Amino acid sequence: MKEAAETVRSPISRKQARQILDHIKTWEGRTNRQWKARAAHQAAMNRGSPFEYAEVFNCLHWLEAEGLMRQTDRDRLNEAIDYLGDKLIFALGMTSGQMHKLITMPTGEL
């Protein structure tokens, strides 16, 4: 039973959702196409922090926009979108389409 409780995603508040969206829009990390970056992305996602998911999303969204995405990257991007979607849709009361549009807008339009 303890294992199940550890795998359930807890909801976030509206304030936390706004902080995550702001983090997506203002994050200035580096993007790297090397295999080490893929391992770092997976490790970040394994930790389960919405902010780390946002950073992984940013890196992979950039790779997608540049046409540099591999299938593994696409799988991670979809996983990040699903995770962030679960959090943001519930906290902000929006549809998945609205959420996707919101997180993929150019910086500054939030």
Protein backbone atom coordinates (compact mmCIF):
# COMPACT_ATOMS: atom_id res chain seq x y z
CA MET A 1 0.00 0.00 0.00
CA LYS A 2 2.87 2.36 0.77
CA GLU A 3 4.22 1.95 -2.78
CA ALA A 4 0.86 2.91 -4.28
CA ALA A 5 0.70 6.04 -2.14
CA GLU A 6 4.14 7.06 -3.35
CA THR A 7 3.19 6.75 -7.02
CA VAL A 8 -0.04 8.74 -6.90
CA ARG A 9 0.40 12.24 -8.26
CA SER A 10 -0.73 14.81 -5.76
CA PRO A 11 -2.59 17.86 -7.05
CA ILE A 12 -1.03 21.30 -7.02
CA SER A 13 -2.57 24.63 -6.11
CA ARG A 14 -3.51 27.34 -8.58
CA LYS A 15 -0.58 29.39 -7.27
CA GLN A 16 1.84 26.51 -7.86
CA ALA A 17 0.43 26.03 -11.37
CA ARG A 18 1.10 29.70 -12.15
CA GLN A 19 4.63 29.33 -10.77
CA ILE A 20 5.23 26.33 -13.04
CA LEU A 21 3.93 28.25 -16.07
CA ASP A 22 6.17 31.18 -15.16
CA HIS A 23 9.09 28.76 -14.82
CA ILE A 24 8.40 27.41 -18.31
CA LYS A 25 8.38 30.92 -19.75
CA THR A 26 11.44 32.25 -17.93
CA TRP A 27 13.74 29.21 -17.76
CA GLU A 28 17.07 29.93 -19.39
CA GLY A 29 18.76 26.58 -19.10
CA ARG A 30 20.90 25.00 -21.75
CA THR A 31 19.68 22.45 -24.26
CA ASN A 32 21.90 19.53 -25.12
CA ARG A 33 21.38 16.78 -27.68
CA GLN A 34 23.92 14.36 -26.26
CA TRP A 35 22.93 11.05 -24.69
CA LYS A 36 23.96 12.42 -21.28
CA ALA A 37 21.16 14.98 -21.57
CA ARG A 38 18.65 12.20 -22.18
CA ALA A 39 19.82 10.44 -19.01
CA ALA A 40 19.54 13.74 -17.11
CA HIS A 41 16.02 14.27 -18.46
CA GLN A 42 14.96 10.83 -17.30
CA ALA A 43 16.53 11.35 -13.87
CA ALA A 44 14.72 14.69 -13.51
CA MET A 45 11.42 13.11 -14.46
CA ASN A 46 12.00 10.24 -12.04
CA ARG A 47 12.28 12.75 -9.19
CA GLY A 48 8.72 13.87 -9.98
CA SER A 49 9.12 17.62 -9.48
CA PRO A 50 6.74 19.65 -11.67
CA PHE A 51 9.48 22.27 -12.05
CA GLU A 52 11.95 19.69 -13.31
CA TYR A 53 9.30 18.38 -15.70
CA ALA A 54 8.91 21.96 -16.92
CA GLU A 55 12.66 22.15 -17.58
CA VAL A 56 12.63 18.84 -19.45
CA PHE A 57 9.64 20.11 -21.45
CA ASN A 58 11.55 23.29 -22.36
CA CYS A 59 14.62 21.38 -23.55
CA LEU A 60 12.63 18.92 -25.60
CA HIS A 61 10.24 21.51 -26.98
CA TRP A 62 13.27 23.43 -28.26
CA LEU A 63 14.66 20.28 -29.91
CA GLU A 64 11.29 19.69 -31.56
CA ALA A 65 11.17 23.27 -32.86
CA GLU A 66 14.69 22.90 -34.28
CA GLY A 67 13.83 19.58 -35.96
CA LEU A 68 16.47 17.77 -33.91
CA MET A 69 14.22 15.37 -32.05
CA ARG A 70 14.70 11.62 -31.90
CA GLN A 71 11.92 9.18 -31.05
CA THR A 72 13.21 8.77 -27.50
CA ASP A 73 13.10 12.55 -27.09
CA ARG A 74 9.56 12.63 -28.47
CA ASP A 75 8.50 9.98 -25.96
CA ARG A 76 9.98 12.04 -23.10
CA LEU A 77 8.33 15.21 -24.42
CA ASN A 78 4.95 13.48 -24.53
CA GLU A 79 5.49 12.17 -21.01
CA ALA A 80 6.37 15.68 -19.78
CA ILE A 81 3.29 17.15 -21.49
CA ASP A 82 1.07 14.46 -19.96
CA TYR A 83 2.49 15.04 -16.48
CA LEU A 84 2.29 18.83 -16.70
CA GLY A 85 -1.16 18.52 -18.23
CA ASP A 86 -2.42 16.47 -15.30
CA LYS A 87 -1.13 19.09 -12.89
CA LEU A 88 -2.15 22.26 -14.76
CA ILE A 89 -5.53 21.15 -16.08
CA PHE A 90 -6.74 20.25 -12.61
CA ALA A 91 -5.25 23.30 -10.85
CA LEU A 92 -6.36 25.85 -13.43
CA GLY A 93 -9.61 24.25 -14.56
CA MET A 94 -8.73 24.19 -18.26
CA THR A 95 -8.98 21.76 -21.14
CA SER A 96 -5.98 19.84 -22.45
CA GLY A 97 -6.04 21.96 -25.62
CA GLN A 98 -5.93 25.15 -23.59
CA MET A 99 -3.09 23.80 -21.49
CA HIS A 100 -1.06 22.75 -24.52
CA LYS A 101 -1.55 26.12 -26.16
CA LEU A 102 -0.58 27.90 -22.95
CA ILE A 103 2.69 26.04 -22.38
CA THR A 104 3.79 26.24 -26.02
CA MET A 105 3.19 29.99 -26.45
CA PRO A 106 6.24 32.10 -27.11
CA THR A 107 7.81 33.59 -24.00
CA GLY A 108 6.15 36.71 -22.74
CA GLU A 109 2.60 35.85 -23.77
CA LEU A 110 1.68 34.17 -20.49
